[in-house]
C-alpha atoms as a PDB file:
ATOM      1  CA  MET A   1      -4.556  -0.916  -0.984  1.00  0.00           C
ATOM      2  CA  PRO A   2      -3.801   0.714   2.364  1.00  0.00           C
ATOM      3  CA  SER A   3      -5.500  -0.642   5.439  1.00  0.00           C
ATOM      4  CA  GLY A   4      -8.426   1.506   6.600  1.00  0.00           C
ATOM      5  CA  ARG A   5      -8.333   4.607   8.695  1.00  0.00           C
ATOM      6  CA  TRP A   6      -6.631   4.400  12.085  1.00  0.00           C
ATOM      7  CA  THR A   7      -6.162   6.919  14.873  1.00  0.00           C
ATOM      8  CA  ARG A   8      -3.451   7.089  17.478  1.00  0.00           C
ATOM      9  CA  SER A   9      -4.358   7.330  21.142  1.00  0.00           C
ATOM     10  CA  PRO A  10      -2.445   9.491  23.659  1.00  0.00           C
ATOM     11  CA  SER A  11      -0.692   6.319  24.835  1.00  0.00           C
ATOM     12  CA  GLY A  12       0.663   5.738  21.332  1.00  0.00           C
ATOM     13  CA  SER A  13      -1.497   2.722  20.485  1.00  0.00           C
ATOM     14  CA  TRP A  14      -3.432   2.510  17.235  1.00  0.00           C
ATOM     15  CA  THR A  15      -7.235   2.208  17.093  1.00  0.00           C
ATOM     16  CA  ARG A  16      -9.191   1.215  14.014  1.00  0.00           C
ATOM     17  CA  CYS A  17     -11.940   3.665  12.987  1.00  0.00           C
ATOM     18  CA  PRO A  18     -15.312   2.547  11.538  1.00  0.00           C
ATOM     19  CA  ARG A  19     -13.845   1.768   8.113  1.00  0.00           C
ATOM     20  CA  GLY A  20     -11.478  -0.649   9.885  1.00  0.00           C
ATOM     21  CA  ASP A  21     -13.617  -3.599   8.770  1.00  0.00           C
ATOM     22  CA  GLN A  22     -11.004  -3.758   6.018  1.00  0.00           C
ATOM     23  CA  VAL A  23      -8.897  -5.960   8.308  1.00  0.00           C
ATOM     24  CA  SER A  24     -10.584  -9.318   8.128  1.00  0.00           C
ATOM     25  CA  ARG A  25      -8.531 -11.710  10.233  1.00  0.00           C
ATOM     26  CA  GLY A  26      -9.043 -12.548  13.900  1.00  0.00           C
ATOM     27  CA  THR A  27     -12.103 -13.199  16.021  1.00  0.00           C
ATOM     28  CA  ARG A  28     -11.060 -12.108  19.497  1.00  0.00           C
ATOM     29  CA  GLY A  29     -12.488  -8.990  21.078  1.00  0.00           C
ATOM     30  CA  GLY A  30     -11.536  -6.474  23.746  1.00  0.00           C
ATOM     31  CA  VAL A  31      -8.314  -6.759  25.729  1.00  0.00           C
ATOM     32  CA  ARG A  32      -7.780 -10.321  24.507  1.00  0.00           C
ATOM     33  CA  ALA A  33      -7.745  -9.043  20.932  1.00  0.00           C
ATOM     34  CA  VAL A  34      -5.143  -6.404  21.719  1.00  0.00           C
ATOM     35  CA  LEU A  35      -2.902  -8.923  23.482  1.00  0.00           C
ATOM     36  CA  ALA A  36      -3.325 -11.560  20.791  1.00  0.00           C
ATOM     37  CA  ARG A  37      -2.406  -9.164  18.033  1.00  0.00           C
ATOM     38  CA  TRP A  38       0.548  -7.770  19.968  1.00  0.00           C
ATOM     39  CA  ARG A  39       1.832 -11.312  20.482  1.00  0.00           C
ATOM     40  CA  GLY A  40       1.184 -12.252  16.869  1.00  0.00           C
ATOM     41  CA  ARG A  41      -1.383 -14.963  17.601  1.00  0.00           C
ATOM     42  CA  ASP A  42      -3.858 -13.604  15.070  1.00  0.00           C
ATOM     43  CA  VAL A  43      -1.254 -13.181  12.337  1.00  0.00           C
ATOM     44  CA  GLU A  44      -1.448 -15.724   9.532  1.00  0.00           C
ATOM     45  CA  LEU A  45       1.776 -17.678   8.972  1.00  0.00           C
ATOM     46  CA  LYS A  46       2.418 -19.279   5.589  1.00  0.00           C
ATOM     47  CA  THR A  47       4.423 -22.307   4.582  1.00  0.00           C
ATOM     48  CA  ALA A  48       7.115 -22.010   1.936  1.00  0.00           C
ATOM     49  CA  GLY A  49       4.699 -23.498  -0.588  1.00  0.00           C
ATOM     50  CA  GLU A  50       2.035 -20.965   0.308  1.00  0.00           C
ATOM     51  CA  ILE A  51       4.544 -18.140  -0.104  1.00  0.00           C
ATOM     52  CA  ASP A  52       5.252 -19.545  -3.579  1.00  0.00           C
ATOM     53  CA  ALA A  53       1.504 -19.435  -4.280  1.00  0.00           C
ATOM     54  CA  MET A  54       1.394 -15.802  -3.159  1.00  0.00           C
ATOM     55  CA  ARG A  55       4.266 -15.090  -5.537  1.00  0.00           C
ATOM     56  CA  ILE A  56       2.075 -16.186  -8.455  1.00  0.00           C
ATOM     57  CA  ALA A  57      -0.580 -13.646  -7.453  1.00  0.00           C
ATOM     58  CA  GLY A  58       2.088 -11.015  -6.869  1.00  0.00           C
ATOM     59  CA  ALA A  59       3.661 -11.533 -10.287  1.00  0.00           C
ATOM     60  CA  LEU A  60       0.241 -11.066 -11.880  1.00  0.00           C
ATOM     61  CA  VAL A  61      -0.195  -7.775 -10.002  1.00  0.00           C
ATOM     62  CA  ALA A  62       3.219  -6.681 -11.284  1.00  0.00           C
ATOM     63  CA  GLN A  63       2.193  -7.595 -14.832  1.00  0.00           C
ATOM     64  CA  ALA A  64      -0.973  -5.514 -14.544  1.00  0.00           C
ATOM     65  CA  LEU A  65       0.932  -2.521 -13.159  1.00  0.00           C
ATOM     66  CA  THR A  66       3.507  -2.795 -15.933  1.00  0.00           C
ATOM     67  CA  ALA A  67       0.724  -2.730 -18.532  1.00  0.00           C
ATOM     68  CA  VAL A  68      -0.949   0.271 -16.898  1.00  0.00           C
ATOM     69  CA  THR A  69       2.342   2.159 -16.630  1.00  0.00           C
ATOM     70  CA  ALA A  70       3.077   1.559 -20.307  1.00  0.00           C
ATOM     71  CA  ALA A  71      -0.398   2.712 -21.337  1.00  0.00           C
ATOM     72  CA  ALA A  72      -0.707   5.837 -19.176  1.00  0.00           C
ATOM     73  CA  ARG A  73      -0.486   9.006 -21.266  1.00  0.00           C
ATOM     74  CA  PRO A  74      -2.255  12.331 -21.671  1.00  0.00           C
ATOM     75  CA  GLY A  75      -5.733  11.894 -23.134  1.00  0.00           C
ATOM     76  CA  LEU A  76      -6.317   8.439 -21.663  1.00  0.00           C
ATOM     77  CA  SER A  77      -8.818   8.100 -18.839  1.00  0.00           C
ATOM     78  CA  THR A  78      -8.291   6.339 -15.545  1.00  0.00           C
ATOM     79  CA  GLY A  79     -11.276   4.216 -16.547  1.00  0.00           C
ATOM     80  CA  ASP A  80      -9.261   3.028 -19.553  1.00  0.00           C
ATOM     81  CA  LEU A  81      -6.402   2.056 -17.253  1.00  0.00           C
ATOM     82  CA  ASP A  82      -8.781   0.148 -15.006  1.00  0.00           C
ATOM     83  CA  ALA A  83     -10.012  -1.891 -17.972  1.00  0.00           C
ATOM     84  CA  ILE A  84      -6.426  -2.697 -18.971  1.00  0.00           C
ATOM     85  CA  ALA A  85      -5.533  -3.917 -15.487  1.00  0.00           C
ATOM     86  CA  GLU A  86      -8.652  -6.035 -15.160  1.00  0.00           C
ATOM     87  CA  GLN A  87      -8.029  -7.690 -18.520  1.00  0.00           C
ATOM     88  CA  VAL A  88      -4.436  -8.556 -17.620  1.00  0.00           C
ATOM     89  CA  ILE A  89      -5.518 -10.042 -14.274  1.00  0.00           C
ATOM     90  CA  ARG A  90      -8.321 -12.142 -15.774  1.00  0.00           C
ATOM     91  CA  ASP A  91      -6.185 -13.275 -18.732  1.00  0.00           C
ATOM     92  CA  GLY A  92      -3.607 -14.435 -16.188  1.00  0.00           C
ATOM     93  CA  GLY A  93      -6.123 -16.611 -14.369  1.00  0.00           C
ATOM     94  CA  GLY A  94      -6.703 -14.216 -11.479  1.00  0.00           C
ATOM     95  CA  VAL A  95      -9.537 -12.191 -10.026  1.00  0.00           C
ATOM     96  CA  PRO A  96      -9.227  -8.460  -9.237  1.00  0.00           C
ATOM     97  CA  SER A  97      -9.231  -8.292  -5.452  1.00  0.00           C
ATOM     98  CA  PHE A  98     -10.353  -4.652  -5.289  1.00  0.00           C
ATOM     99  CA  LEU A  99     -13.451  -5.058  -7.447  1.00  0.00           C
ATOM    100  CA  GLY A 100     -16.484  -5.327  -5.158  1.00  0.00           C
ATOM    101  CA  TYR A 101     -14.371  -5.115  -1.997  1.00  0.00           C
ATOM    102  CA  HIS A 102     -16.715  -3.467   0.532  1.00  0.00           C
ATOM    103  CA  GLY A 103     -18.487  -2.053  -2.512  1.00  0.00           C
ATOM    104  CA  TYR A 104     -15.424  -0.641  -4.273  1.00  0.00           C
ATOM    105  CA  PRO A 105     -16.407  -0.356  -7.963  1.00  0.00           C
ATOM    106  CA  ALA A 106     -13.117  -0.922  -9.841  1.00  0.00           C
ATOM    107  CA  SER A 107     -10.105  -3.194 -10.247  1.00  0.00           C
ATOM    108  CA  ILE A 108      -7.478  -0.562  -9.458  1.00  0.00           C
ATOM    109  CA  CYS A 109      -7.233   2.580  -7.396  1.00  0.00           C
ATOM    110  CA  ALA A 110      -6.141   5.476  -9.617  1.00  0.00           C
ATOM    111  CA  SER A 111      -5.223   8.505  -7.520  1.00  0.00           C
ATOM    112  CA  VAL A 112      -4.353  11.697  -9.396  1.00  0.00           C
ATOM    113  CA  ASN A 113      -2.359  14.664  -8.069  1.00  0.00           C
ATOM    114  CA  ASP A 114      -3.746  15.549  -4.601  1.00  0.00           C
ATOM    115  CA  GLN A 115      -5.485  12.171  -4.309  1.00  0.00           C
ATOM    116  CA  ILE A 116      -3.412  10.011  -1.980  1.00  0.00           C
ATOM    117  CA  VAL A 117      -5.142   6.626  -2.209  1.00  0.00           C
ATOM    118  CA  HIS A 118      -8.421   4.908  -3.133  1.00  0.00           C
ATOM    119  CA  GLY A 119      -9.121   7.135  -6.139  1.00  0.00           C
ATOM    120  CA  ILE A 120     -11.943   5.586  -8.173  1.00  0.00           C
ATOM    121  CA  PRO A 121     -11.153   5.229 -11.910  1.00  0.00           C
ATOM    122  CA  ALA A 122     -13.640   6.857 -14.280  1.00  0.00           C
ATOM    123  CA  ALA A 123     -14.073   7.454 -17.995  1.00  0.00           C
ATOM    124  CA  THR A 124     -14.587  11.127 -17.153  1.00  0.00           C
ATOM    125  CA  GLN A 125     -11.214  11.465 -15.447  1.00  0.00           C
ATOM    126  CA  VAL A 126      -8.922  12.129 -18.395  1.00  0.00           C
ATOM    127  CA  LEU A 127      -5.213  12.335 -17.701  1.00  0.00           C
ATOM    128  CA  ALA A 128      -3.344  15.502 -18.613  1.00  0.00           C
ATOM    129  CA  ASP A 129       0.320  16.202 -19.267  1.00  0.00           C
ATOM    130  CA  GLY A 130       2.099  16.713 -15.952  1.00  0.00           C
ATOM    131  CA  ASP A 131      -0.372  14.769 -13.811  1.00  0.00           C
ATOM    132  CA  LEU A 132       1.032  12.644 -11.003  1.00  0.00           C
ATOM    133  CA  LEU A 133      -0.730   9.276 -10.936  1.00  0.00           C
ATOM    134  CA  SER A 134      -0.613   6.563  -8.269  1.00  0.00           C
ATOM    135  CA  VAL A 135      -1.985   3.164  -9.265  1.00  0.00           C
ATOM    136  CA  ASP A 136      -2.744   0.521  -6.636  1.00  0.00           C
ATOM    137  CA  CYS A 137      -3.637  -2.992  -7.803  1.00  0.00           C
ATOM    138  CA  GLY A 138      -4.532  -6.315  -6.226  1.00  0.00           C
ATOM    139  CA  ALA A 139      -5.179  -9.798  -7.544  1.00  0.00           C
ATOM    140  CA  ILE A 140      -6.274 -13.166  -6.189  1.00  0.00           C
ATOM    141  CA  VAL A 141      -4.967 -16.441  -7.627  1.00  0.00           C
ATOM    142  CA  ASP A 142      -6.124 -19.734  -6.089  1.00  0.00           C
ATOM    143  CA  GLY A 143      -7.202 -17.923  -2.937  1.00  0.00           C
ATOM    144  CA  TRP A 144      -3.952 -16.013  -2.378  1.00  0.00           C
ATOM    145  CA  HIS A 145      -3.600 -12.228  -2.620  1.00  0.00           C
ATOM    146  CA  GLY A 146      -1.010  -9.878  -4.054  1.00  0.00           C
ATOM    147  CA  ASP A 147      -1.071  -6.094  -3.578  1.00  0.00           C
ATOM    148  CA  ALA A 148       1.252  -3.411  -4.957  1.00  0.00           C
ATOM    149  CA  ALA A 149       1.275   0.226  -6.034  1.00  0.00           C
ATOM    150  CA  VAL A 150       3.364   2.535  -8.200  1.00  0.00           C
ATOM    151  CA  THR A 151       3.454   6.276  -8.811  1.00  0.00           C
ATOM    152  CA  LEU A 152       4.225   7.687 -12.236  1.00  0.00           C
ATOM    153  CA  ALA A 153       4.320  10.979 -14.070  1.00  0.00           C
ATOM    154  CA  VAL A 154       1.943  11.363 -17.003  1.00  0.00           C
ATOM    155  CA  GLY A 155       3.726  12.882 -19.968  1.00  0.00           C
ATOM    156  CA  THR A 156       6.357  15.358 -18.797  1.00  0.00           C
ATOM    157  CA  GLY A 157       6.628  15.189 -15.042  1.00  0.00           C
ATOM    158  CA  ARG A 158       7.297  18.177 -12.837  1.00  0.00           C
ATOM    159  CA  PRO A 159      10.706  17.959 -11.102  1.00  0.00           C
ATOM    160  CA  GLU A 160       9.149  18.336  -7.656  1.00  0.00           C
ATOM    161  CA  ASP A 161       6.707  15.506  -8.408  1.00  0.00           C
ATOM    162  CA  LEU A 162       9.504  13.224  -9.558  1.00  0.00           C
ATOM    163  CA  ALA A 163      11.423  14.006  -6.372  1.00  0.00           C
ATOM    164  CA  LEU A 164       8.355  13.247  -4.242  1.00  0.00           C
ATOM    165  CA  SER A 165       7.802   9.925  -5.961  1.00  0.00           C
ATOM    166  CA  ALA A 166      11.495   9.025  -5.656  1.00  0.00           C
ATOM    167  CA  ALA A 167      11.413   9.834  -1.938  1.00  0.00           C
ATOM    168  CA  CYS A 168       8.380   7.601  -1.460  1.00  0.00           C
ATOM    169  CA  ARG A 169      10.011   4.747  -3.345  1.00  0.00           C
ATOM    170  CA  GLU A 170      13.173   5.111  -1.267  1.00  0.00           C
ATOM    171  CA  ALA A 171      11.027   4.908   1.862  1.00  0.00           C
ATOM    172  CA  LEU A 172       9.446   1.719   0.514  1.00  0.00           C
ATOM    173  CA  ASP A 173      12.853   0.188  -0.225  1.00  0.00           C
ATOM    174  CA  ALA A 174      14.049   1.016   3.286  1.00  0.00           C
ATOM    175  CA  GLY A 175      10.951  -0.554   4.800  1.00  0.00           C
ATOM    176  CA  LEU A 176      11.346  -3.710   2.729  1.00  0.00           C
ATOM    177  CA  ALA A 177      14.968  -4.077   3.798  1.00  0.00           C
ATOM    178  CA  ALA A 178      13.838  -4.059   7.450  1.00  0.00           C
ATOM    179  CA  VAL A 179      11.552  -7.075   6.960  1.00  0.00           C
ATOM    180  CA  ARG A 180      13.649  -9.722   8.681  1.00  0.00           C
ATOM    181  CA  ALA A 181      12.898 -12.534  11.089  1.00  0.00           C
ATOM    182  CA  GLY A 182      13.489 -11.413  14.663  1.00  0.00           C
ATOM    183  CA  ALA A 183      13.005  -7.733  13.903  1.00  0.00           C
ATOM    184  CA  ARG A 184      10.049  -5.763  15.219  1.00  0.00           C
ATOM    185  CA  LEU A 185       7.185  -4.271  13.253  1.00  0.00           C
ATOM    186  CA  GLY A 186       8.317  -0.872  14.491  1.00  0.00           C
ATOM    187  CA  ASP A 187      11.666  -1.376  12.776  1.00  0.00           C
ATOM    188  CA  ILE A 188       9.866  -1.300   9.421  1.00  0.00           C
ATOM    189  CA  SER A 189       7.906   1.802  10.399  1.00  0.00           C
ATOM    190  CA  HIS A 190      11.043   3.569  11.580  1.00  0.00           C
ATOM    191  CA  ALA A 191      12.954   2.660   8.423  1.00  0.00           C
ATOM    192  CA  VAL A 192      10.179   4.123   6.259  1.00  0.00           C
ATOM    193  CA  GLN A 193      10.036   7.296   8.329  1.00  0.00           C
ATOM    194  CA  SER A 194      13.810   7.765   8.430  1.00  0.00           C
ATOM    195  CA  ALA A 195      14.188   7.310   4.674  1.00  0.00           C
ATOM    196  CA  ALA A 196      11.389   9.800   3.977  1.00  0.00           C
ATOM    197  CA  GLU A 197      12.935  12.354   6.329  1.00  0.00           C
ATOM    198  CA  ASP A 198      16.395  11.829   4.835  1.00  0.00           C
ATOM    199  CA  ALA A 199      14.995  12.376   1.348  1.00  0.00           C
ATOM    200  CA  GLY A 200      13.288  15.546   2.498  1.00  0.00           C
ATOM    201  CA  ARG A 201      16.528  16.954   3.889  1.00  0.00           C
ATOM    202  CA  ARG A 202      18.274  16.105   0.621  1.00  0.00           C
ATOM    203  CA  ASP A 203      15.527  17.719  -1.455  1.00  0.00           C
ATOM    204  CA  GLY A 204      15.190  20.750   0.795  1.00  0.00           C
ATOM    205  CA  VAL A 205      11.531  20.071   1.644  1.00  0.00           C
ATOM    206  CA  THR A 206       9.516  18.457   4.424  1.00  0.00           C
ATOM    207  CA  TYR A 207       7.494  15.571   3.059  1.00  0.00           C
ATOM    208  CA  GLY A 208       4.273  14.735   4.880  1.00  0.00           C
ATOM    209  CA  ILE A 209       4.139  11.117   6.060  1.00  0.00           C
ATOM    210  CA  VAL A 210       0.502  10.028   6.008  1.00  0.00           C
ATOM    211  CA  GLU A 211      -0.389   8.555   9.410  1.00  0.00           C
ATOM    212  CA  GLU A 212      -4.054   7.589   9.050  1.00  0.00           C
ATOM    213  CA  TYR A 213      -3.444   4.834   6.514  1.00  0.00           C
ATOM    214  CA  GLY A 214      -0.717   2.233   6.344  1.00  0.00           C
ATOM    215  CA  GLY A 215       0.430  -1.226   5.421  1.00  0.00           C
ATOM    216  CA  HIS A 216      -1.059  -4.507   6.580  1.00  0.00           C
ATOM    217  CA  GLY A 217      -0.828  -8.227   6.736  1.00  0.00           C
ATOM    218  CA  ILE A 218      -1.885 -10.116   3.619  1.00  0.00           C
ATOM    219  CA  GLY A 219      -2.419 -13.700   2.509  1.00  0.00           C
ATOM    220  CA  THR A 220      -5.770 -15.478   2.274  1.00  0.00           C
ATOM    221  CA  ALA A 221      -7.354 -12.033   2.614  1.00  0.00           C
ATOM    222  CA  MET A 222      -6.190  -8.683   1.302  1.00  0.00           C
ATOM    223  CA  HIS A 223      -6.253  -6.850   4.632  1.00  0.00           C
ATOM    224  CA  MET A 224      -5.177  -8.791   7.686  1.00  0.00           C
ATOM    225  CA  ASP A 225      -3.457  -8.146  10.996  1.00  0.00           C
ATOM    226  CA  PRO A 226      -1.097  -6.536  11.728  1.00  0.00           C
ATOM    227  CA  PHE A 227      -1.574  -2.876  10.838  1.00  0.00           C
ATOM    228  CA  LEU A 228       1.769  -1.374   9.745  1.00  0.00           C
ATOM    229  CA  PRO A 229       2.229   2.370  10.386  1.00  0.00           C
ATOM    230  CA  ASN A 230       4.656   4.313   8.219  1.00  0.00           C
ATOM    231  CA  HIS A 231       6.354   6.021  11.138  1.00  0.00           C
ATOM    232  CA  GLY A 232       7.346   5.301  14.717  1.00  0.00           C
ATOM    233  CA  PRO A 233      10.239   4.269  16.968  1.00  0.00           C
ATOM    234  CA  PRO A 234      12.278   1.127  16.276  1.00  0.00           C
ATOM    235  CA  GLY A 235      12.340  -1.930  18.482  1.00  0.00           C
ATOM    236  CA  GLN A 236       8.633  -1.901  19.270  1.00  0.00           C
ATOM    237  CA  GLY A 237       5.596  -3.906  18.240  1.00  0.00           C
ATOM    238  CA  LEU A 238       5.097  -7.409  16.944  1.00  0.00           C
ATOM    239  CA  ARG A 239       8.211  -9.551  16.411  1.00  0.00           C
ATOM    240  CA  LEU A 240       8.529 -10.667  12.790  1.00  0.00           C
ATOM    241  CA  THR A 241       8.401 -14.415  12.194  1.00  0.00           C
ATOM    242  CA  VAL A 242       9.207 -16.554   9.162  1.00  0.00           C
ATOM    243  CA  GLY A 243       5.987 -17.077   7.205  1.00  0.00           C
ATOM    244  CA  MET A 244       4.514 -13.630   7.775  1.00  0.00           C
ATOM    245  CA  ALA A 245       3.532 -11.613   4.708  1.00  0.00           C
ATOM    246  CA  LEU A 246       3.076  -7.859   4.750  1.00  0.00           C
ATOM    247  CA  ALA A 247       2.099  -5.095   2.387  1.00  0.00           C
ATOM    248  CA  VAL A 248       4.569  -2.263   2.970  1.00  0.00           C
ATOM    249  CA  GLU A 249       3.203   0.976   1.523  1.00  0.00           C
ATOM    250  CA  PRO A 250       4.425   4.465   2.366  1.00  0.00           C
ATOM    251  CA  MET A 251       2.315   7.436   1.310  1.00  0.00           C
ATOM    252  CA  LEU A 252       4.011  10.840   1.167  1.00  0.00           C
ATOM    253  CA  THR A 253       2.688  14.306   0.417  1.00  0.00           C
ATOM    254  CA  ALA A 254       4.433  17.451  -0.762  1.00  0.00           C
ATOM    255  CA  GLY A 255       2.721  19.336   2.054  1.00  0.00           C
ATOM    256  CA  VAL A 256       0.947  18.486   5.283  1.00  0.00           C
ATOM    257  CA  PRO A 257       0.308  14.854   6.277  1.00  0.00           C
ATOM    258  CA  GLU A 258      -3.352  15.430   7.134  1.00  0.00           C
ATOM    259  CA  THR A 259      -6.014  13.935   4.878  1.00  0.00           C
ATOM    260  CA  ARG A 260      -9.711  14.111   4.155  1.00  0.00           C
ATOM    261  CA  GLU A 261     -12.090  11.682   2.485  1.00  0.00           C
ATOM    262  CA  LEU A 262     -14.284  12.783  -0.420  1.00  0.00           C
ATOM    263  CA  ASP A 263     -18.047  12.319  -0.519  1.00  0.00           C
ATOM    264  CA  ASP A 264     -17.679   9.144  -2.627  1.00  0.00           C
ATOM    265  CA  GLY A 265     -16.620   7.421   0.592  1.00  0.00           C
ATOM    266  CA  TRP A 266     -13.342   6.202  -0.877  1.00  0.00           C
ATOM    267  CA  THR A 267     -11.039   8.830  -2.359  1.00  0.00           C
ATOM    268  CA  VAL A 268      -8.547  10.203   0.162  1.00  0.00           C
ATOM    269  CA  VAL A 269      -6.953  13.566  -0.671  1.00  0.00           C
ATOM    270  CA  THR A 270      -4.407  15.819   0.984  1.00  0.00           C
ATOM    271  CA  ALA A 271      -5.915  18.380   3.337  1.00  0.00           C
ATOM    272  CA  ASP A 272      -3.950  21.237   1.767  1.00  0.00           C
ATOM    273  CA  GLY A 273      -4.248  20.258  -1.907  1.00  0.00           C
ATOM    274  CA  SER A 274      -0.598  19.255  -2.224  1.00  0.00           C
ATOM    275  CA  ARG A 275       0.356  16.333  -4.434  1.00  0.00           C
ATOM    276  CA  ALA A 276       0.948  12.822  -3.112  1.00  0.00           C
ATOM    277  CA  ALA A 277       2.835   9.637  -3.956  1.00  0.00           C
ATOM    278  CA  HIS A 278       2.212   6.003  -2.992  1.00  0.00           C
ATOM    279  CA  TRP A 279       4.461   2.987  -3.500  1.00  0.00           C
ATOM    280  CA  GLU A 280       3.801  -0.567  -2.288  1.00  0.00           C
ATOM    281  CA  HIS A 281       5.069  -4.133  -2.417  1.00  0.00           C
ATOM    282  CA  THR A 282       3.924  -7.378  -0.829  1.00  0.00           C
ATOM    283  CA  VAL A 283       6.845  -9.005   1.004  1.00  0.00           C
ATOM    284  CA  ALA A 284       7.309 -12.247   2.932  1.00  0.00           C
ATOM    285  CA  VAL A 285       9.525 -12.908   5.945  1.00  0.00           C
ATOM    286  CA  THR A 286      11.814 -15.824   5.099  1.00  0.00           C
ATOM    287  CA  ASP A 287      14.921 -17.464   6.563  1.00  0.00           C
ATOM    288  CA  ASP A 288      16.900 -15.748   3.802  1.00  0.00           C
ATOM    289  CA  GLY A 289      15.537 -12.262   4.473  1.00  0.00           C
ATOM    290  CA  PRO A 290      12.752 -10.333   2.758  1.00  0.00           C
ATOM    291  CA  ARG A 291      11.206 -11.932  -0.331  1.00  0.00           C
ATOM    292  CA  ILE A 292       9.369  -9.372  -2.449  1.00  0.00           C
ATOM    293  CA  LEU A 293       6.382 -11.134  -3.975  1.00  0.00           C
ATOM    294  CA  THR A 294       5.131  -8.395  -6.329  1.00  0.00           C
ATOM    295  CA  LEU A 295       8.200  -7.879  -8.493  1.00  0.00           C
ATOM    296  CA  PRO A 296       7.833  -8.606 -12.233  1.00  0.00           C
ATOM    297  CA  ALA A 297       8.399 -12.271 -13.080  1.00  0.00           C
END
């Protein structure tokens, strides 16, 4: 689940908007908070054993997403998919991390077509052939969180939708590859942006890179410092350290990058009605490079 809405100041820094209570780590305020986060002092570092514990939660998220992907078809509702994911998580000894989070009423986010993220599943939202569906899922096992998202075509996918989803997944893969000890947070952002732009040139389109939502730290809470934008220059920001865990999650649109939030207070849609894709993995910084924690077991 992407970290809450952020805005960029003229100086290039990022400021959390009112929904930013989604990031739950850190107690400092004012200038001290900015400096602490920039230096990484409020970023939770995990031991190797704790990373292994996060892997258990991540594998359960992957299992739930695999079940949802297999079940998704025309005529099924997003509410049905939510029930499937919740059952898989609970049968696996976990707790859905989205359910009840700041009042969120479901175990997955199911975002259809022009919905970018945070779409609320419902029995009344019945999938149709050709829909583009993004499913975001989180689980908690023994106090540790996993968070991942996939985008899939329902029935027969439109070629332009498949290209959009592929571009978003390529951006995710590029971001994950940049998660290395000694690198900067901005290196991940730049890798995501560059891959999305490269895919756009290949496909002959300009994909919108959503700026208002992004990745985040994760561990004993779902949303933690640092915030991870999906674009920006390399070589800037927090230096990555062994033991950090991040949710890397690009969101691309087939049109403009601007968004708006629906009256339900959750669902984020594209400003121009274009379709959107969202891919995500939880990844840890290790001595051996990036360790993706939400791959299938």
